[in-house]
Amino acid sequence: MRSPGLTDDGEASMAAQISLRLPEPLLKRLNQEARRRRLRRSDLVRQALEAFLDGGRILGTDRPYDRVRDLVGRLSGGPPDLGERHREYLLDLIRDRR
């Protein structure tokens, strides 16, 4: 039995065609990456789109918190009032190193 979306010889079956316009700098990057990977541009775009739809992100669309969410709560110890008195602690560290 074959996988969904694949032909009998293992090639992807294409149900639809789309076209898009790219700015020159992005087209240049696409061409360079396709050559580097020895892929057709359409295959590279398809892979990138699949990766994005499988959980990737568009750069610049996340909140700052989203970038560090996995770090929150990872550290333990330290002064309990560091958030309120961080400037004092930093100045103390600088003075101690002199």
N, C-alpha and C. Protein backbone atom coordinates (compact mmCIF):
# COMPACT_ATOMS: atom_id res chain seq x y z
N MET A 1 0.84 -1.18 0.00
CA MET A 1 0.00 0.00 0.00
C MET A 1 0.88 1.24 0.00
N ARG A 2 0.53 2.22 -0.78
CA ARG A 2 1.34 3.43 -0.87
C ARG A 2 0.90 4.47 0.15
N SER A 3 1.82 5.38 0.47
CA SER A 3 1.51 6.46 1.41
C SER A 3 0.61 7.48 0.73
N PRO A 4 -0.25 8.15 1.53
CA PRO A 4 -1.09 9.19 0.93
C PRO A 4 -0.23 10.28 0.32
N GLY A 5 -0.61 10.76 -0.85
CA GLY A 5 0.12 11.83 -1.50
C GLY A 5 1.30 11.36 -2.32
N LEU A 6 1.55 10.03 -2.37
CA LEU A 6 2.66 9.51 -3.16
C LEU A 6 2.14 8.63 -4.29
N THR A 7 2.84 8.65 -5.41
CA THR A 7 2.48 7.77 -6.51
C THR A 7 3.06 6.38 -6.25
N ASP A 8 2.77 5.43 -7.12
CA ASP A 8 3.27 4.06 -6.94
C ASP A 8 4.79 4.00 -6.92
N ASP A 9 5.46 4.92 -7.61
CA ASP A 9 6.93 4.90 -7.63
C ASP A 9 7.55 5.77 -6.54
N GLY A 10 6.74 6.22 -5.57
CA GLY A 10 7.26 6.97 -4.43
C GLY A 10 7.38 8.46 -4.63
N GLU A 11 7.01 8.95 -5.80
CA GLU A 11 7.06 10.39 -6.05
C GLU A 11 5.82 11.06 -5.48
N ALA A 12 5.97 12.31 -5.09
CA ALA A 12 4.84 13.06 -4.56
C ALA A 12 3.87 13.37 -5.69
N SER A 13 2.58 13.15 -5.44
CA SER A 13 1.58 13.52 -6.44
C SER A 13 1.14 14.95 -6.16
N MET A 14 1.08 15.74 -7.19
CA MET A 14 0.76 17.15 -7.04
C MET A 14 -0.70 17.38 -7.42
N ALA A 15 -1.47 17.87 -6.46
CA ALA A 15 -2.88 18.08 -6.69
C ALA A 15 -3.17 19.47 -7.24
N ALA A 16 -2.34 20.44 -6.92
CA ALA A 16 -2.61 21.81 -7.34
C ALA A 16 -1.31 22.56 -7.55
N GLN A 17 -1.41 23.61 -8.31
CA GLN A 17 -0.24 24.44 -8.57
C GLN A 17 -0.57 25.85 -8.11
N ILE A 18 0.41 26.50 -7.48
CA ILE A 18 0.24 27.90 -7.09
C ILE A 18 1.41 28.69 -7.67
N SER A 19 1.24 29.98 -7.74
CA SER A 19 2.36 30.83 -8.14
C SER A 19 2.48 31.95 -7.11
N LEU A 20 3.68 32.45 -6.95
CA LEU A 20 3.88 33.53 -6.01
C LEU A 20 4.98 34.44 -6.51
N ARG A 21 4.95 35.65 -6.03
CA ARG A 21 5.97 36.64 -6.39
C ARG A 21 6.91 36.81 -5.21
N LEU A 22 8.20 36.85 -5.50
CA LEU A 22 9.20 37.00 -4.46
C LEU A 22 10.03 38.25 -4.73
N PRO A 23 10.40 38.96 -3.68
CA PRO A 23 11.34 40.07 -3.88
C PRO A 23 12.69 39.50 -4.34
N GLU A 24 13.42 40.29 -5.09
CA GLU A 24 14.70 39.82 -5.65
C GLU A 24 15.65 39.23 -4.60
N PRO A 25 15.84 39.89 -3.44
CA PRO A 25 16.77 39.30 -2.46
C PRO A 25 16.34 37.91 -1.98
N LEU A 26 15.03 37.71 -1.82
CA LEU A 26 14.54 36.40 -1.38
C LEU A 26 14.70 35.37 -2.49
N LEU A 27 14.44 35.77 -3.72
CA LEU A 27 14.63 34.86 -4.85
C LEU A 27 16.09 34.44 -4.97
N LYS A 28 16.99 35.39 -4.76
CA LYS A 28 18.42 35.07 -4.82
C LYS A 28 18.79 34.05 -3.74
N ARG A 29 18.27 34.26 -2.52
CA ARG A 29 18.55 33.31 -1.43
C ARG A 29 17.96 31.94 -1.74
N LEU A 30 16.75 31.91 -2.31
CA LEU A 30 16.12 30.65 -2.68
C LEU A 30 16.97 29.92 -3.72
N ASN A 31 17.43 30.63 -4.72
CA ASN A 31 18.26 30.02 -5.76
C ASN A 31 19.56 29.47 -5.18
N GLN A 32 20.20 30.24 -4.31
CA GLN A 32 21.46 29.80 -3.70
C GLN A 32 21.25 28.54 -2.86
N GLU A 33 20.20 28.54 -2.06
CA GLU A 33 19.95 27.39 -1.19
C GLU A 33 19.56 26.16 -2.01
N ALA A 34 18.78 26.35 -3.05
CA ALA A 34 18.40 25.22 -3.91
C ALA A 34 19.65 24.62 -4.57
N ARG A 35 20.56 25.47 -5.04
CA ARG A 35 21.80 24.96 -5.63
C ARG A 35 22.63 24.23 -4.58
N ARG A 36 22.74 24.82 -3.39
CA ARG A 36 23.54 24.22 -2.33
C ARG A 36 23.02 22.83 -1.96
N ARG A 37 21.71 22.70 -1.90
CA ARG A 37 21.10 21.41 -1.53
C ARG A 37 20.87 20.49 -2.72
N ARG A 38 21.14 21.02 -3.91
CA ARG A 38 20.90 20.26 -5.15
C ARG A 38 19.43 19.83 -5.25
N LEU A 39 18.56 20.81 -5.04
CA LEU A 39 17.11 20.59 -5.14
C LEU A 39 16.53 21.57 -6.15
N ARG A 40 15.37 21.22 -6.65
CA ARG A 40 14.62 22.20 -7.44
C ARG A 40 14.05 23.23 -6.48
N ARG A 41 13.87 24.44 -6.98
CA ARG A 41 13.31 25.49 -6.12
C ARG A 41 11.95 25.07 -5.58
N SER A 42 11.13 24.46 -6.41
CA SER A 42 9.80 24.07 -5.96
C SER A 42 9.88 23.05 -4.82
N ASP A 43 10.85 22.13 -4.89
CA ASP A 43 11.01 21.15 -3.81
C ASP A 43 11.43 21.83 -2.51
N LEU A 44 12.33 22.80 -2.63
CA LEU A 44 12.78 23.52 -1.45
C LEU A 44 11.64 24.32 -0.82
N VAL A 45 10.86 25.00 -1.64
CA VAL A 45 9.71 25.76 -1.14
C VAL A 45 8.71 24.82 -0.48
N ARG A 46 8.47 23.67 -1.09
CA ARG A 46 7.54 22.68 -0.54
C ARG A 46 8.02 22.19 0.83
N GLN A 47 9.32 21.89 0.94
CA GLN A 47 9.87 21.44 2.22
C GLN A 47 9.75 22.52 3.29
N ALA A 48 10.05 23.76 2.91
CA ALA A 48 9.97 24.86 3.87
C ALA A 48 8.53 25.07 4.33
N LEU A 49 7.59 24.98 3.40
CA LEU A 49 6.18 25.15 3.75
C LEU A 49 5.70 24.03 4.66
N GLU A 50 6.10 22.80 4.36
CA GLU A 50 5.73 21.68 5.22
C GLU A 50 6.31 21.84 6.62
N ALA A 51 7.57 22.26 6.71
CA ALA A 51 8.20 22.46 8.02
C ALA A 51 7.47 23.54 8.81
N PHE A 52 7.09 24.61 8.14
CA PHE A 52 6.36 25.68 8.81
C PHE A 52 5.00 25.18 9.30
N LEU A 53 4.27 24.50 8.45
CA LEU A 53 2.94 24.03 8.82
C LEU A 53 2.99 22.93 9.88
N ASP A 54 4.12 22.27 10.00
CA ASP A 54 4.29 21.24 11.03
C ASP A 54 4.76 21.82 12.36
N GLY A 55 4.73 23.12 12.51
CA GLY A 55 5.08 23.70 13.80
C GLY A 55 6.10 24.79 13.76
N GLY A 56 6.55 25.17 12.59
CA GLY A 56 7.52 26.26 12.49
C GLY A 56 6.87 27.59 12.81
N ARG A 57 7.69 28.62 12.87
CA ARG A 57 7.19 29.96 13.16
C ARG A 57 7.62 30.90 12.04
N ILE A 58 6.89 31.96 11.89
CA ILE A 58 7.31 33.04 11.02
C ILE A 58 8.08 34.01 11.89
N LEU A 59 9.29 34.36 11.49
CA LEU A 59 10.11 35.26 12.29
C LEU A 59 9.40 36.59 12.48
N GLY A 60 9.47 37.09 13.69
CA GLY A 60 8.90 38.39 13.98
C GLY A 60 7.43 38.37 14.39
N THR A 61 6.79 37.22 14.38
CA THR A 61 5.38 37.18 14.74
C THR A 61 5.16 36.72 16.18
N ASP A 62 6.21 36.29 16.84
CA ASP A 62 6.04 35.83 18.21
C ASP A 62 6.25 36.99 19.19
N ARG A 63 5.75 36.80 20.39
CA ARG A 63 5.94 37.80 21.44
C ARG A 63 7.29 37.54 22.09
N PRO A 64 7.89 38.56 22.71
CA PRO A 64 9.18 38.33 23.39
C PRO A 64 9.11 37.18 24.39
N TYR A 65 7.99 37.06 25.10
CA TYR A 65 7.84 35.96 26.06
C TYR A 65 7.95 34.61 25.37
N ASP A 66 7.40 34.49 24.15
CA ASP A 66 7.44 33.22 23.43
C ASP A 66 8.87 32.75 23.18
N ARG A 67 9.79 33.70 23.04
CA ARG A 67 11.18 33.36 22.76
C ARG A 67 11.89 32.75 23.97
N VAL A 68 11.43 33.08 25.17
CA VAL A 68 12.10 32.59 26.38
C VAL A 68 11.19 31.71 27.24
N ARG A 69 10.04 31.36 26.72
CA ARG A 69 9.07 30.59 27.50
C ARG A 69 9.68 29.32 28.08
N ASP A 70 10.51 28.63 27.32
CA ASP A 70 11.10 27.38 27.82
C ASP A 70 12.15 27.61 28.89
N LEU A 71 12.60 28.85 29.07
CA LEU A 71 13.60 29.15 30.10
C LEU A 71 12.97 29.58 31.42
N VAL A 72 11.74 30.04 31.38
CA VAL A 72 11.08 30.55 32.58
C VAL A 72 10.94 29.42 33.60
N GLY A 73 11.42 29.70 34.81
CA GLY A 73 11.32 28.72 35.89
C GLY A 73 12.42 27.69 35.89
N ARG A 74 13.40 27.80 35.02
CA ARG A 74 14.47 26.80 34.94
C ARG A 74 15.56 27.02 35.99
N LEU A 75 15.72 28.24 36.45
CA LEU A 75 16.78 28.53 37.41
C LEU A 75 16.23 28.50 38.82
N SER A 76 17.05 28.05 39.73
CA SER A 76 16.63 28.07 41.13
C SER A 76 17.74 28.74 41.94
N GLY A 77 17.37 29.25 43.08
CA GLY A 77 18.34 29.91 43.94
C GLY A 77 18.45 31.38 43.61
N GLY A 78 19.35 32.04 44.30
CA GLY A 78 19.52 33.47 44.10
C GLY A 78 18.63 34.24 45.05
N PRO A 79 18.84 35.53 45.12
CA PRO A 79 18.06 36.36 46.04
C PRO A 79 16.58 36.37 45.64
N PRO A 80 15.69 36.24 46.60
CA PRO A 80 14.26 36.21 46.28
C PRO A 80 13.74 37.56 45.77
N ASP A 81 14.46 38.65 46.07
CA ASP A 81 13.99 39.97 45.64
C ASP A 81 14.82 40.51 44.46
N LEU A 82 15.43 39.63 43.70
CA LEU A 82 16.28 40.05 42.60
C LEU A 82 15.53 40.91 41.59
N GLY A 83 14.29 40.60 41.34
CA GLY A 83 13.50 41.38 40.40
C GLY A 83 13.31 42.81 40.84
N GLU A 84 13.21 43.02 42.15
CA GLU A 84 12.99 44.36 42.68
C GLU A 84 14.30 45.11 42.92
N ARG A 85 15.35 44.40 43.30
CA ARG A 85 16.59 45.06 43.70
C ARG A 85 17.76 44.71 42.78
N HIS A 86 17.48 44.39 41.52
CA HIS A 86 18.54 43.95 40.60
C HIS A 86 19.64 44.99 40.45
N ARG A 87 19.29 46.27 40.45
CA ARG A 87 20.30 47.32 40.28
C ARG A 87 21.29 47.32 41.46
N GLU A 88 20.76 47.19 42.66
CA GLU A 88 21.63 47.16 43.84
C GLU A 88 22.58 45.97 43.79
N TYR A 89 22.04 44.81 43.43
CA TYR A 89 22.88 43.61 43.36
C TYR A 89 23.96 43.76 42.30
N LEU A 90 23.62 44.34 41.18
CA LEU A 90 24.59 44.53 40.11
C LEU A 90 25.69 45.50 40.54
N LEU A 91 25.31 46.59 41.18
CA LEU A 91 26.31 47.55 41.66
C LEU A 91 27.22 46.92 42.71
N ASP A 92 26.66 46.10 43.59
CA ASP A 92 27.47 45.39 44.59
C ASP A 92 28.50 44.49 43.91
N LEU A 93 28.08 43.78 42.87
CA LEU A 93 29.00 42.90 42.14
C LEU A 93 30.14 43.70 41.51
N ILE A 94 29.81 44.83 40.94
CA ILE A 94 30.83 45.67 40.31
C ILE A 94 31.81 46.18 41.36
N ARG A 95 31.31 46.64 42.49
CA ARG A 95 32.17 47.15 43.57
C ARG A 95 33.08 46.05 44.11
N ASP A 96 32.54 44.84 44.26
CA ASP A 96 33.32 43.73 44.81
C ASP A 96 34.46 43.31 43.88
N ARG A 97 34.33 43.52 42.60
CA ARG A 97 35.36 43.09 41.64
C ARG A 97 36.49 44.10 41.53
N ARG A 98 36.35 45.27 42.11
CA ARG A 98 37.41 46.29 42.02
C ARG A 98 38.48 46.04 43.01
